[in-house]
């Protein structure tokens, strides 16, 4: 099974002969401006003659292609003492290296582990129960058309909306997302498609938004339940970008968000009891973000019974004229 992590980095998952889980990371490596680069940890002065012409090394009984000077490459990647096992070693590339690769190839991994830990250790079957927000949006939506469910999670809301006859695009990126959809025996007969997209990767979002804006039937709606307070600011901007592209000229965004301003000494992005992370937000801050991307507020309503102590839950409706 292949897990895409960036446009230049993937992991192949398998079972070892004894049945234990195993994996192989595949990095893209290349030269740029006289430097040797390897996703997404290395930008070093390694000469071309250390790489090519390629040689061969035996590994697990097989001959595989290898750099001309493997020692030189391994020392650049893992330090001069790479031959001595070091349980404490970890890659710590500089910010300029990681940003360079993120901008070139995107990054599907930001914050994904938090969500996968939640699906593995924090999720409970009761979390799949219906929500008041879902019922409220159902009553607001026009018949037919398209609903884009951003941050769909396991997808129980997307299933309900598809059963209502809406064509649903369900978007998420954690590996355990969409489980309620995939476990439903009827999901292949419903007007519902699932798409992995990371809202912390602008290129990924713009590609998907272009597709939806071109293909989706009207009327259109964007559905965001407990998403805006689970994303850092740059990722929220990408939610507004997608909504602007999909909804401009008609359609609305329906969002439910827990507003919990950060208190002195509070960790800025602590774990949420029913999600990966909680990022404190304010209505004024959110309003400035969506206005910058061209949205107009249609309505906002406070709701009793927020899931996080001390928060106020709001339902917000936006439009893009």
C-alpha atoms as a PDB file:
ATOM      1  CA  UNK A   1       0.000   0.000   0.000  1.00  0.00           C
ATOM      2  CA  UNK A   2       1.397   3.364  -1.012  1.00  0.00           C
ATOM      3  CA  UNK A   3       1.030   6.446   1.188  1.00  0.00           C
ATOM      4  CA  UNK A   4       1.739   9.755  -0.582  1.00  0.00           C
ATOM      5  CA  UNK A   5       3.348  12.223   1.796  1.00  0.00           C
ATOM      6  CA  UNK A   6       4.495  14.941  -0.619  1.00  0.00           C
ATOM      7  CA  UNK A   7       4.894  15.262  -4.365  1.00  0.00           C
ATOM      8  CA  UNK A   8       8.413  13.854  -3.985  1.00  0.00           C
ATOM      9  CA  UNK A   9       8.136  11.501  -1.001  1.00  0.00           C
ATOM     10  CA  UNK A  10       6.080   8.358  -0.545  1.00  0.00           C
ATOM     11  CA  UNK A  11       6.099   5.309   1.710  1.00  0.00           C
ATOM     12  CA  UNK A  12       5.382   1.744   0.646  1.00  0.00           C
ATOM     13  CA  UNK A  13       3.742  -0.249   3.466  1.00  0.00           C
ATOM     14  CA  UNK A  14       3.966  -4.044   3.554  1.00  0.00           C
ATOM     15  CA  UNK A  15       4.221  -7.059   5.824  1.00  0.00           C
ATOM     16  CA  UNK A  16       7.598  -8.591   6.548  1.00  0.00           C
ATOM     17  CA  UNK A  17       8.011 -12.384   6.152  1.00  0.00           C
ATOM     18  CA  UNK A  18       7.247 -12.807   9.889  1.00  0.00           C
ATOM     19  CA  UNK A  19       4.019 -10.823   9.519  1.00  0.00           C
ATOM     20  CA  UNK A  20       5.285  -7.678  11.225  1.00  0.00           C
ATOM     21  CA  UNK A  21       4.543  -4.303   9.584  1.00  0.00           C
ATOM     22  CA  UNK A  22       7.381  -2.909   7.475  1.00  0.00           C
ATOM     23  CA  UNK A  23       7.865   0.059   5.191  1.00  0.00           C
ATOM     24  CA  UNK A  24      10.229   1.581   2.654  1.00  0.00           C
ATOM     25  CA  UNK A  25      10.505   5.361   2.236  1.00  0.00           C
ATOM     26  CA  UNK A  26      11.127   6.559  -1.309  1.00  0.00           C
ATOM     27  CA  UNK A  27      12.772   9.987  -1.599  1.00  0.00           C
ATOM     28  CA  UNK A  28      13.258  11.999  -4.757  1.00  0.00           C
ATOM     29  CA  UNK A  29      16.883  13.192  -5.054  1.00  0.00           C
ATOM     30  CA  UNK A  30      18.312  15.696  -7.534  1.00  0.00           C
ATOM     31  CA  UNK A  31      20.848  18.469  -8.104  1.00  0.00           C
ATOM     32  CA  UNK A  32      19.871  22.137  -8.106  1.00  0.00           C
ATOM     33  CA  UNK A  33      22.246  25.109  -8.287  1.00  0.00           C
ATOM     34  CA  UNK A  34      25.215  22.900  -7.539  1.00  0.00           C
ATOM     35  CA  UNK A  35      23.638  21.358  -4.419  1.00  0.00           C
ATOM     36  CA  UNK A  36      22.471  17.774  -3.853  1.00  0.00           C
ATOM     37  CA  UNK A  37      18.899  17.696  -2.507  1.00  0.00           C
ATOM     38  CA  UNK A  38      16.930  14.827  -0.995  1.00  0.00           C
ATOM     39  CA  UNK A  39      13.322  15.131   0.141  1.00  0.00           C
ATOM     40  CA  UNK A  40      12.964  16.959   2.445  1.00  0.00           C
ATOM     41  CA  UNK A  41      15.903  16.838   4.779  1.00  0.00           C
ATOM     42  CA  UNK A  42      19.037  17.476   2.776  1.00  0.00           C
ATOM     43  CA  UNK A  43      20.637  20.249   0.753  1.00  0.00           C
ATOM     44  CA  UNK A  44      24.351  19.603   0.757  1.00  0.00           C
ATOM     45  CA  UNK A  45      27.626  19.993  -1.119  1.00  0.00           C
ATOM     46  CA  UNK A  46      27.815  16.505  -2.591  1.00  0.00           C
ATOM     47  CA  UNK A  47      29.605  16.393  -5.983  1.00  0.00           C
ATOM     48  CA  UNK A  48      27.935  14.726  -8.944  1.00  0.00           C
ATOM     49  CA  UNK A  49      30.717  12.150  -9.155  1.00  0.00           C
ATOM     50  CA  UNK A  50      29.615  10.855  -5.750  1.00  0.00           C
ATOM     51  CA  UNK A  51      26.270   9.919  -7.352  1.00  0.00           C
ATOM     52  CA  UNK A  52      26.898   9.046 -10.993  1.00  0.00           C
ATOM     53  CA  UNK A  53      27.682   6.842 -12.702  1.00  0.00           C
ATOM     54  CA  UNK A  54      25.543   4.584 -10.508  1.00  0.00           C
ATOM     55  CA  UNK A  55      27.003   1.393  -9.115  1.00  0.00           C
ATOM     56  CA  UNK A  56      25.366  -1.629  -7.461  1.00  0.00           C
ATOM     57  CA  UNK A  57      25.131  -2.894  -3.912  1.00  0.00           C
ATOM     58  CA  UNK A  58      23.747  -6.186  -2.637  1.00  0.00           C
ATOM     59  CA  UNK A  59      20.805  -5.814  -0.261  1.00  0.00           C
ATOM     60  CA  UNK A  60      18.780  -8.753   1.081  1.00  0.00           C
ATOM     61  CA  UNK A  61      20.192 -10.970  -1.654  1.00  0.00           C
ATOM     62  CA  UNK A  62      19.402  -8.569  -4.480  1.00  0.00           C
ATOM     63  CA  UNK A  63      21.594  -6.199  -6.463  1.00  0.00           C
ATOM     64  CA  UNK A  64      20.183  -2.675  -6.376  1.00  0.00           C
ATOM     65  CA  UNK A  65      21.321   0.605  -7.974  1.00  0.00           C
ATOM     66  CA  UNK A  66      23.453   2.696  -5.617  1.00  0.00           C
ATOM     67  CA  UNK A  67      25.363   5.982  -5.690  1.00  0.00           C
ATOM     68  CA  UNK A  68      28.926   5.825  -6.940  1.00  0.00           C
ATOM     69  CA  UNK A  69      30.156   6.780  -3.439  1.00  0.00           C
ATOM     70  CA  UNK A  70      27.536   5.590  -0.907  1.00  0.00           C
ATOM     71  CA  UNK A  71      29.673   6.653   2.076  1.00  0.00           C
ATOM     72  CA  UNK A  72      29.695  10.275   0.886  1.00  0.00           C
ATOM     73  CA  UNK A  73      25.912  10.395   0.505  1.00  0.00           C
ATOM     74  CA  UNK A  74      25.210   8.667   3.825  1.00  0.00           C
ATOM     75  CA  UNK A  75      27.600  10.972   5.665  1.00  0.00           C
ATOM     76  CA  UNK A  76      25.793  13.993   4.211  1.00  0.00           C
ATOM     77  CA  UNK A  77      22.420  12.557   5.257  1.00  0.00           C
ATOM     78  CA  UNK A  78      23.236  11.056   8.668  1.00  0.00           C
ATOM     79  CA  UNK A  79      26.543  12.596   9.741  1.00  0.00           C
ATOM     80  CA  UNK A  80      30.131  11.290   9.633  1.00  0.00           C
ATOM     81  CA  UNK A  81      29.359   8.644  12.278  1.00  0.00           C
ATOM     82  CA  UNK A  82      26.530   7.076  10.272  1.00  0.00           C
ATOM     83  CA  UNK A  83      28.082   3.598  10.608  1.00  0.00           C
ATOM     84  CA  UNK A  84      27.512   3.672  14.388  1.00  0.00           C
ATOM     85  CA  UNK A  85      23.840   3.095  15.328  1.00  0.00           C
ATOM     86  CA  UNK A  86      22.408   6.081  17.199  1.00  0.00           C
ATOM     87  CA  UNK A  87      18.921   5.602  18.615  1.00  0.00           C
ATOM     88  CA  UNK A  88      18.685   9.322  19.349  1.00  0.00           C
ATOM     89  CA  UNK A  89      19.404  10.505  15.823  1.00  0.00           C
ATOM     90  CA  UNK A  90      16.716  12.449  14.013  1.00  0.00           C
ATOM     91  CA  UNK A  91      16.669  14.617  10.946  1.00  0.00           C
ATOM     92  CA  UNK A  92      16.581  18.310  11.830  1.00  0.00           C
ATOM     93  CA  UNK A  93      16.710  20.141   8.505  1.00  0.00           C
ATOM     94  CA  UNK A  94      16.818  23.920   8.525  1.00  0.00           C
ATOM     95  CA  UNK A  95      13.644  25.872   7.858  1.00  0.00           C
ATOM     96  CA  UNK A  96      14.868  27.025   4.451  1.00  0.00           C
ATOM     97  CA  UNK A  97      15.175  23.378   3.333  1.00  0.00           C
ATOM     98  CA  UNK A  98      11.714  22.344   4.513  1.00  0.00           C
ATOM     99  CA  UNK A  99      10.026  25.456   3.122  1.00  0.00           C
ATOM    100  CA  UNK A 100      11.791  25.017  -0.208  1.00  0.00           C
ATOM    101  CA  UNK A 101      10.472  21.460  -0.527  1.00  0.00           C
ATOM    102  CA  UNK A 102       6.994  22.376   0.743  1.00  0.00           C
ATOM    103  CA  UNK A 103       6.691  25.086  -1.898  1.00  0.00           C
ATOM    104  CA  UNK A 104       8.006  22.866  -4.660  1.00  0.00           C
ATOM    105  CA  UNK A 105       6.220  19.613  -3.858  1.00  0.00           C
ATOM    106  CA  UNK A 106       3.531  20.344  -1.277  1.00  0.00           C
ATOM    107  CA  UNK A 107       3.188  18.511   2.024  1.00  0.00           C
ATOM    108  CA  UNK A 108       0.330  16.169   2.919  1.00  0.00           C
ATOM    109  CA  UNK A 109       1.710  15.436   6.403  1.00  0.00           C
ATOM    110  CA  UNK A 110       1.197  18.667   8.339  1.00  0.00           C
ATOM    111  CA  UNK A 111      -0.971  17.866  11.375  1.00  0.00           C
ATOM    112  CA  UNK A 112      -2.058  14.562   9.829  1.00  0.00           C
ATOM    113  CA  UNK A 113      -0.511  12.493  12.622  1.00  0.00           C
ATOM    114  CA  UNK A 114      -2.614  14.375  15.201  1.00  0.00           C
ATOM    115  CA  UNK A 115      -5.775  13.287  13.416  1.00  0.00           C
ATOM    116  CA  UNK A 116      -4.584   9.724  12.939  1.00  0.00           C
ATOM    117  CA  UNK A 117      -3.814   9.495  16.674  1.00  0.00           C
ATOM    118  CA  UNK A 118      -7.352  10.717  17.335  1.00  0.00           C
ATOM    119  CA  UNK A 119      -8.922   8.151  14.999  1.00  0.00           C
ATOM    120  CA  UNK A 120      -6.817   5.420  16.604  1.00  0.00           C
ATOM    121  CA  UNK A 121      -7.072   6.385  20.292  1.00  0.00           C
ATOM    122  CA  UNK A 122      -9.689   9.104  20.793  1.00  0.00           C
ATOM    123  CA  UNK A 123     -12.602   8.310  18.534  1.00  0.00           C
ATOM    124  CA  UNK A 124     -15.707   6.673  20.045  1.00  0.00           C
ATOM    125  CA  UNK A 125     -18.755   5.281  18.215  1.00  0.00           C
ATOM    126  CA  UNK A 126     -20.918   7.982  19.799  1.00  0.00           C
ATOM    127  CA  UNK A 127     -18.924  10.569  17.820  1.00  0.00           C
ATOM    128  CA  UNK A 128     -20.631   9.281  14.669  1.00  0.00           C
ATOM    129  CA  UNK A 129     -24.065  10.163  15.984  1.00  0.00           C
ATOM    130  CA  UNK A 130     -26.072  12.795  14.138  1.00  0.00           C
ATOM    131  CA  UNK A 131     -25.546  16.452  14.968  1.00  0.00           C
ATOM    132  CA  UNK A 132     -27.931  19.348  15.478  1.00  0.00           C
ATOM    133  CA  UNK A 133     -25.814  21.263  12.967  1.00  0.00           C
ATOM    134  CA  UNK A 134     -26.449  18.633  10.292  1.00  0.00           C
ATOM    135  CA  UNK A 135     -30.201  18.854  10.854  1.00  0.00           C
ATOM    136  CA  UNK A 136     -30.056  22.662  10.779  1.00  0.00           C
ATOM    137  CA  UNK A 137     -28.160  22.723   7.471  1.00  0.00           C
ATOM    138  CA  UNK A 138     -30.486  20.098   5.956  1.00  0.00           C
ATOM    139  CA  UNK A 139     -33.391  22.452   6.547  1.00  0.00           C
ATOM    140  CA  UNK A 140     -31.503  25.335   4.895  1.00  0.00           C
ATOM    141  CA  UNK A 141     -30.229  23.567   1.754  1.00  0.00           C
ATOM    142  CA  UNK A 142     -32.154  23.759  -1.511  1.00  0.00           C
ATOM    143  CA  UNK A 143     -33.035  20.409  -3.042  1.00  0.00           C
ATOM    144  CA  UNK A 144     -30.461  18.676  -5.211  1.00  0.00           C
ATOM    145  CA  UNK A 145     -27.273  20.440  -6.163  1.00  0.00           C
ATOM    146  CA  UNK A 146     -23.829  19.937  -4.665  1.00  0.00           C
ATOM    147  CA  UNK A 147     -22.490  19.956  -1.100  1.00  0.00           C
ATOM    148  CA  UNK A 148     -18.732  20.119  -0.495  1.00  0.00           C
ATOM    149  CA  UNK A 149     -18.080  18.651   2.971  1.00  0.00           C
ATOM    150  CA  UNK A 150     -14.696  20.057   4.043  1.00  0.00           C
ATOM    151  CA  UNK A 151     -12.974  18.128   6.828  1.00  0.00           C
ATOM    152  CA  UNK A 152     -15.498  15.320   6.515  1.00  0.00           C
ATOM    153  CA  UNK A 153     -13.790  13.053   9.064  1.00  0.00           C
ATOM    154  CA  UNK A 154     -15.369   9.611   9.006  1.00  0.00           C
ATOM    155  CA  UNK A 155     -18.032  10.978   6.679  1.00  0.00           C
ATOM    156  CA  UNK A 156     -21.274  10.281   8.512  1.00  0.00           C
ATOM    157  CA  UNK A 157     -22.653  13.744   7.640  1.00  0.00           C
ATOM    158  CA  UNK A 158     -21.631  13.317   4.001  1.00  0.00           C
ATOM    159  CA  UNK A 159     -23.533  10.016   3.884  1.00  0.00           C
ATOM    160  CA  UNK A 160     -26.670  11.634   5.289  1.00  0.00           C
ATOM    161  CA  UNK A 161     -26.534  14.494   2.789  1.00  0.00           C
ATOM    162  CA  UNK A 162     -25.982  12.101  -0.121  1.00  0.00           C
ATOM    163  CA  UNK A 163     -28.998  10.059   0.976  1.00  0.00           C
ATOM    164  CA  UNK A 164     -30.995  13.305   0.831  1.00  0.00           C
ATOM    165  CA  UNK A 165     -30.190  13.465  -2.883  1.00  0.00           C
ATOM    166  CA  UNK A 166     -27.366  16.020  -2.810  1.00  0.00           C
ATOM    167  CA  UNK A 167     -24.231  15.294  -4.807  1.00  0.00           C
ATOM    168  CA  UNK A 168     -21.524  15.308  -2.139  1.00  0.00           C
ATOM    169  CA  UNK A 169     -17.786  15.877  -2.426  1.00  0.00           C
ATOM    170  CA  UNK A 170     -16.245  14.686   0.880  1.00  0.00           C
ATOM    171  CA  UNK A 171     -12.779  16.138   1.575  1.00  0.00           C
ATOM    172  CA  UNK A 172     -10.230  15.045   4.180  1.00  0.00           C
ATOM    173  CA  UNK A 173      -6.655  13.786   4.350  1.00  0.00           C
ATOM    174  CA  UNK A 174      -6.092  11.557   7.395  1.00  0.00           C
ATOM    175  CA  UNK A 175      -5.583   7.905   6.471  1.00  0.00           C
ATOM    176  CA  UNK A 176      -8.487   6.792   8.671  1.00  0.00           C
ATOM    177  CA  UNK A 177     -10.875   9.396   7.280  1.00  0.00           C
ATOM    178  CA  UNK A 178     -13.968   8.332   5.295  1.00  0.00           C
ATOM    179  CA  UNK A 179     -14.347   5.158   7.397  1.00  0.00           C
ATOM    180  CA  UNK A 180     -18.111   5.571   7.934  1.00  0.00           C
ATOM    181  CA  UNK A 181     -18.508   6.026   4.163  1.00  0.00           C
ATOM    182  CA  UNK A 182     -16.345   3.066   3.171  1.00  0.00           C
ATOM    183  CA  UNK A 183     -17.982   0.783   5.756  1.00  0.00           C
ATOM    184  CA  UNK A 184     -21.466   1.572   4.432  1.00  0.00           C
ATOM    185  CA  UNK A 185     -22.540  -1.129   1.954  1.00  0.00           C
ATOM    186  CA  UNK A 186     -24.557   1.414  -0.076  1.00  0.00           C
ATOM    187  CA  UNK A 187     -21.900   4.103  -0.472  1.00  0.00           C
ATOM    188  CA  UNK A 188     -20.995   3.149  -4.054  1.00  0.00           C
ATOM    189  CA  UNK A 189     -24.608   3.672  -5.169  1.00  0.00           C
ATOM    190  CA  UNK A 190     -24.878   7.136  -3.592  1.00  0.00           C
ATOM    191  CA  UNK A 191     -23.964  10.445  -5.296  1.00  0.00           C
ATOM    192  CA  UNK A 192     -20.893  10.774  -3.053  1.00  0.00           C
ATOM    193  CA  UNK A 193     -17.189  10.951  -3.913  1.00  0.00           C
ATOM    194  CA  UNK A 194     -14.266  11.092  -1.469  1.00  0.00           C
ATOM    195  CA  UNK A 195     -11.114  13.108  -2.095  1.00  0.00           C
ATOM    196  CA  UNK A 196      -7.928  13.409  -0.049  1.00  0.00           C
ATOM    197  CA  UNK A 197      -6.921  17.042   0.236  1.00  0.00           C
ATOM    198  CA  UNK A 198      -4.805  18.834   2.826  1.00  0.00           C
ATOM    199  CA  UNK A 199      -5.981  22.344   3.613  1.00  0.00           C
ATOM    200  CA  UNK A 200      -2.478  23.172   4.824  1.00  0.00           C
ATOM    201  CA  UNK A 201      -1.206  22.777   1.245  1.00  0.00           C
ATOM    202  CA  UNK A 202      -2.366  25.662  -0.965  1.00  0.00           C
ATOM    203  CA  UNK A 203      -1.449  23.908  -4.208  1.00  0.00           C
ATOM    204  CA  UNK A 204      -3.496  20.847  -3.229  1.00  0.00           C
ATOM    205  CA  UNK A 205      -6.513  23.000  -2.333  1.00  0.00           C
ATOM    206  CA  UNK A 206      -6.405  25.118  -5.491  1.00  0.00           C
ATOM    207  CA  UNK A 207      -6.199  22.030  -7.701  1.00  0.00           C
ATOM    208  CA  UNK A 208      -9.231  20.447  -6.032  1.00  0.00           C
ATOM    209  CA  UNK A 209     -11.193  23.735  -5.939  1.00  0.00           C
ATOM    210  CA  UNK A 210     -10.647  24.225  -9.667  1.00  0.00           C
ATOM    211  CA  UNK A 211     -12.014  20.754 -10.328  1.00  0.00           C
ATOM    212  CA  UNK A 212     -15.096  21.280  -8.139  1.00  0.00           C
ATOM    213  CA  UNK A 213     -15.774  24.748  -9.570  1.00  0.00           C
ATOM    214  CA  UNK A 214     -15.717  23.310 -13.088  1.00  0.00           C
ATOM    215  CA  UNK A 215     -17.634  20.079 -12.508  1.00  0.00           C
ATOM    216  CA  UNK A 216     -20.089  20.578  -9.643  1.00  0.00           C
ATOM    217  CA  UNK A 217     -23.788  21.017 -10.275  1.00  0.00           C
ATOM    218  CA  UNK A 218     -25.591  24.060  -8.929  1.00  0.00           C
ATOM    219  CA  UNK A 219     -26.923  25.070  -6.470  1.00  0.00           C
ATOM    220  CA  UNK A 220     -23.767  24.645  -4.388  1.00  0.00           C
ATOM    221  CA  UNK A 221     -22.973  24.706  -0.682  1.00  0.00           C
ATOM    222  CA  UNK A 222     -19.835  24.248   1.438  1.00  0.00           C
ATOM    223  CA  UNK A 223     -20.332  22.394   4.730  1.00  0.00           C
ATOM    224  CA  UNK A 224     -17.782  22.896   7.548  1.00  0.00           C
ATOM    225  CA  UNK A 225     -18.598  21.323  10.900  1.00  0.00           C
ATOM    226  CA  UNK A 226     -15.881  21.755  13.520  1.00  0.00           C
ATOM    227  CA  UNK A 227     -13.209  22.622  10.974  1.00  0.00           C
ATOM    228  CA  UNK A 228     -12.309  26.300  11.329  1.00  0.00           C
ATOM    229  CA  UNK A 229     -11.189  25.871  14.968  1.00  0.00           C
ATOM    230  CA  UNK A 230      -9.196  22.770  14.047  1.00  0.00           C
ATOM    231  CA  UNK A 231      -6.921  24.510  11.507  1.00  0.00           C
ATOM    232  CA  UNK A 232      -4.047  27.012  11.768  1.00  0.00           C
ATOM    233  CA  UNK A 233      -4.555  30.394  10.049  1.00  0.00           C
ATOM    234  CA  UNK A 234      -2.861  29.534   6.740  1.00  0.00           C
ATOM    235  CA  UNK A 235      -5.062  26.465   6.377  1.00  0.00           C
ATOM    236  CA  UNK A 236      -8.220  28.467   7.191  1.00  0.00           C
ATOM    237  CA  UNK A 237      -7.270  30.855   4.396  1.00  0.00           C
ATOM    238  CA  UNK A 238      -7.365  27.869   2.053  1.00  0.00           C
ATOM    239  CA  UNK A 239     -10.890  27.025   3.212  1.00  0.00           C
ATOM    240  CA  UNK A 240     -11.946  30.557   2.237  1.00  0.00           C
ATOM    241  CA  UNK A 241     -10.104  30.207  -1.102  1.00  0.00           C
ATOM    242  CA  UNK A 242     -11.913  26.990  -1.939  1.00  0.00           C
ATOM    243  CA  UNK A 243     -15.274  28.441  -0.901  1.00  0.00           C
ATOM    244  CA  UNK A 244     -14.674  31.575  -2.994  1.00  0.00           C
ATOM    245  CA  UNK A 245     -13.891  29.502  -6.087  1.00  0.00           C
ATOM    246  CA  UNK A 246     -16.815  27.123  -5.622  1.00  0.00           C
ATOM    247  CA  UNK A 247     -19.485  29.551  -4.403  1.00  0.00           C
ATOM    248  CA  UNK A 248     -18.757  32.811  -6.196  1.00  0.00           C
ATOM    249  CA  UNK A 249     -21.916  33.951  -7.949  1.00  0.00           C
ATOM    250  CA  UNK A 250     -24.243  31.734  -5.897  1.00  0.00           C
ATOM    251  CA  UNK A 251     -24.252  29.330  -2.973  1.00  0.00           C
ATOM    252  CA  UNK A 252     -23.419  29.511   0.722  1.00  0.00           C
ATOM    253  CA  UNK A 253     -20.932  28.235   3.271  1.00  0.00           C
ATOM    254  CA  UNK A 254     -22.386  26.771   6.474  1.00  0.00           C
ATOM    255  CA  UNK A 255     -19.919  26.568   9.362  1.00  0.00           C
ATOM    256  CA  UNK A 256     -20.085  25.552  13.006  1.00  0.00           C
ATOM    257  CA  UNK A 257     -17.175  26.694  15.151  1.00  0.00           C
ATOM    258  CA  UNK A 258     -16.310  26.718  18.859  1.00  0.00           C
ATOM    259  CA  UNK A 259     -14.897  30.142  19.737  1.00  0.00           C
ATOM    260  CA  UNK A 260     -12.468  29.847  22.638  1.00  0.00           C
ATOM    261  CA  UNK A 261     -10.026  32.731  22.906  1.00  0.00           C
ATOM    262  CA  UNK A 262      -6.602  31.778  24.227  1.00  0.00           C
ATOM    263  CA  UNK A 263      -6.116  32.422  27.904  1.00  0.00           C
ATOM    264  CA  UNK A 264      -2.750  33.389  29.489  1.00  0.00           C
ATOM    265  CA  UNK A 265      -0.559  30.290  29.790  1.00  0.00           C
ATOM    266  CA  UNK A 266      -2.812  28.152  27.600  1.00  0.00           C
ATOM    267  CA  UNK A 267      -1.077  26.048  24.963  1.00  0.00           C
ATOM    268  CA  UNK A 268      -1.982  27.642  21.600  1.00  0.00           C
ATOM    269  CA  UNK A 269      -2.954  24.395  19.877  1.00  0.00           C
ATOM    270  CA  UNK A 270      -3.825  21.787  22.463  1.00  0.00           C
ATOM    271  CA  UNK A 271      -5.649  18.558  21.714  1.00  0.00           C
ATOM    272  CA  UNK A 272      -9.378  18.814  21.239  1.00  0.00           C
ATOM    273  CA  UNK A 273     -11.530  16.171  23.011  1.00  0.00           C
ATOM    274  CA  UNK A 274     -13.200  15.236  19.720  1.00  0.00           C
ATOM    275  CA  UNK A 275     -10.538  16.100  17.167  1.00  0.00           C
ATOM    276  CA  UNK A 276      -6.855  16.326  16.409  1.00  0.00           C
ATOM    277  CA  UNK A 277      -6.118  19.879  17.537  1.00  0.00           C
ATOM    278  CA  UNK A 278      -7.936  22.958  18.778  1.00  0.00           C
ATOM    279  CA  UNK A 279      -6.740  26.358  17.585  1.00  0.00           C
ATOM    280  CA  UNK A 280      -8.248  29.268  19.546  1.00  0.00           C
ATOM    281  CA  UNK A 281     -10.174  31.623  17.263  1.00  0.00           C
ATOM    282  CA  UNK A 282     -12.211  34.786  17.640  1.00  0.00           C
ATOM    283  CA  UNK A 283     -15.162  35.980  15.592  1.00  0.00           C
ATOM    284  CA  UNK A 284     -13.353  39.211  14.766  1.00  0.00           C
ATOM    285  CA  UNK A 285     -10.324  37.277  13.574  1.00  0.00           C
ATOM    286  CA  UNK A 286     -12.400  34.904  11.460  1.00  0.00           C
ATOM    287  CA  UNK A 287     -14.369  37.827  10.041  1.00  0.00           C
ATOM    288  CA  UNK A 288     -11.180  39.563   8.901  1.00  0.00           C
ATOM    289  CA  UNK A 289     -10.018  36.339   7.218  1.00  0.00           C
ATOM    290  CA  UNK A 290     -13.164  35.662   5.229  1.00  0.00           C
ATOM    291  CA  UNK A 291     -13.636  39.319   4.283  1.00  0.00           C
ATOM    292  CA  UNK A 292     -10.116  39.356   2.843  1.00  0.00           C
ATOM    293  CA  UNK A 293     -11.154  36.502   0.533  1.00  0.00           C
ATOM    294  CA  UNK A 294     -14.346  38.288  -0.565  1.00  0.00           C
ATOM    295  CA  UNK A 295     -17.020  36.728   1.655  1.00  0.00           C
ATOM    296  CA  UNK A 296     -20.116  38.472   2.995  1.00  0.00           C
ATOM    297  CA  UNK A 297     -21.656  37.349   6.285  1.00  0.00           C
ATOM    298  CA  UNK A 298     -25.277  36.288   5.880  1.00  0.00           C
ATOM    299  CA  UNK A 299     -25.969  35.323   9.488  1.00  0.00           C
ATOM    300  CA  UNK A 300     -24.440  34.160  12.757  1.00  0.00           C
ATOM    301  CA  UNK A 301     -26.200  32.390  15.622  1.00  0.00           C
ATOM    302  CA  UNK A 302     -24.877  31.265  19.016  1.00  0.00           C
ATOM    303  CA  UNK A 303     -25.759  27.764  20.180  1.00  0.00           C
ATOM    304  CA  UNK A 304     -25.987  26.389  23.697  1.00  0.00           C
ATOM    305  CA  UNK A 305     -24.009  23.314  24.719  1.00  0.00           C
ATOM    306  CA  UNK A 306     -20.529  23.756  23.226  1.00  0.00           C
ATOM    307  CA  UNK A 307     -18.362  20.632  23.310  1.00  0.00           C
ATOM    308  CA  UNK A 308     -15.387  22.471  24.840  1.00  0.00           C
ATOM    309  CA  UNK A 309     -15.636  23.989  28.295  1.00  0.00           C
ATOM    310  CA  UNK A 310     -15.661  27.763  28.190  1.00  0.00           C
ATOM    311  CA  UNK A 311     -16.359  27.977  24.465  1.00  0.00           C
ATOM    312  CA  UNK A 312     -19.260  29.551  22.659  1.00  0.00           C
ATOM    313  CA  UNK A 313     -20.524  27.601  19.664  1.00  0.00           C
ATOM    314  CA  UNK A 314     -21.521  29.622  16.617  1.00  0.00           C
ATOM    315  CA  UNK A 315     -23.255  28.797  13.373  1.00  0.00           C
ATOM    316  CA  UNK A 316     -22.139  31.095  10.588  1.00  0.00           C
ATOM    317  CA  UNK A 317     -23.463  31.451   7.034  1.00  0.00           C
ATOM    318  CA  UNK A 318     -21.332  33.160   4.365  1.00  0.00           C
ATOM    319  CA  UNK A 319     -21.833  34.034   0.715  1.00  0.00           C
ATOM    320  CA  UNK A 320     -19.500  35.151  -2.086  1.00  0.00           C
ATOM    321  CA  UNK A 321     -21.287  37.698  -4.325  1.00  0.00           C
END
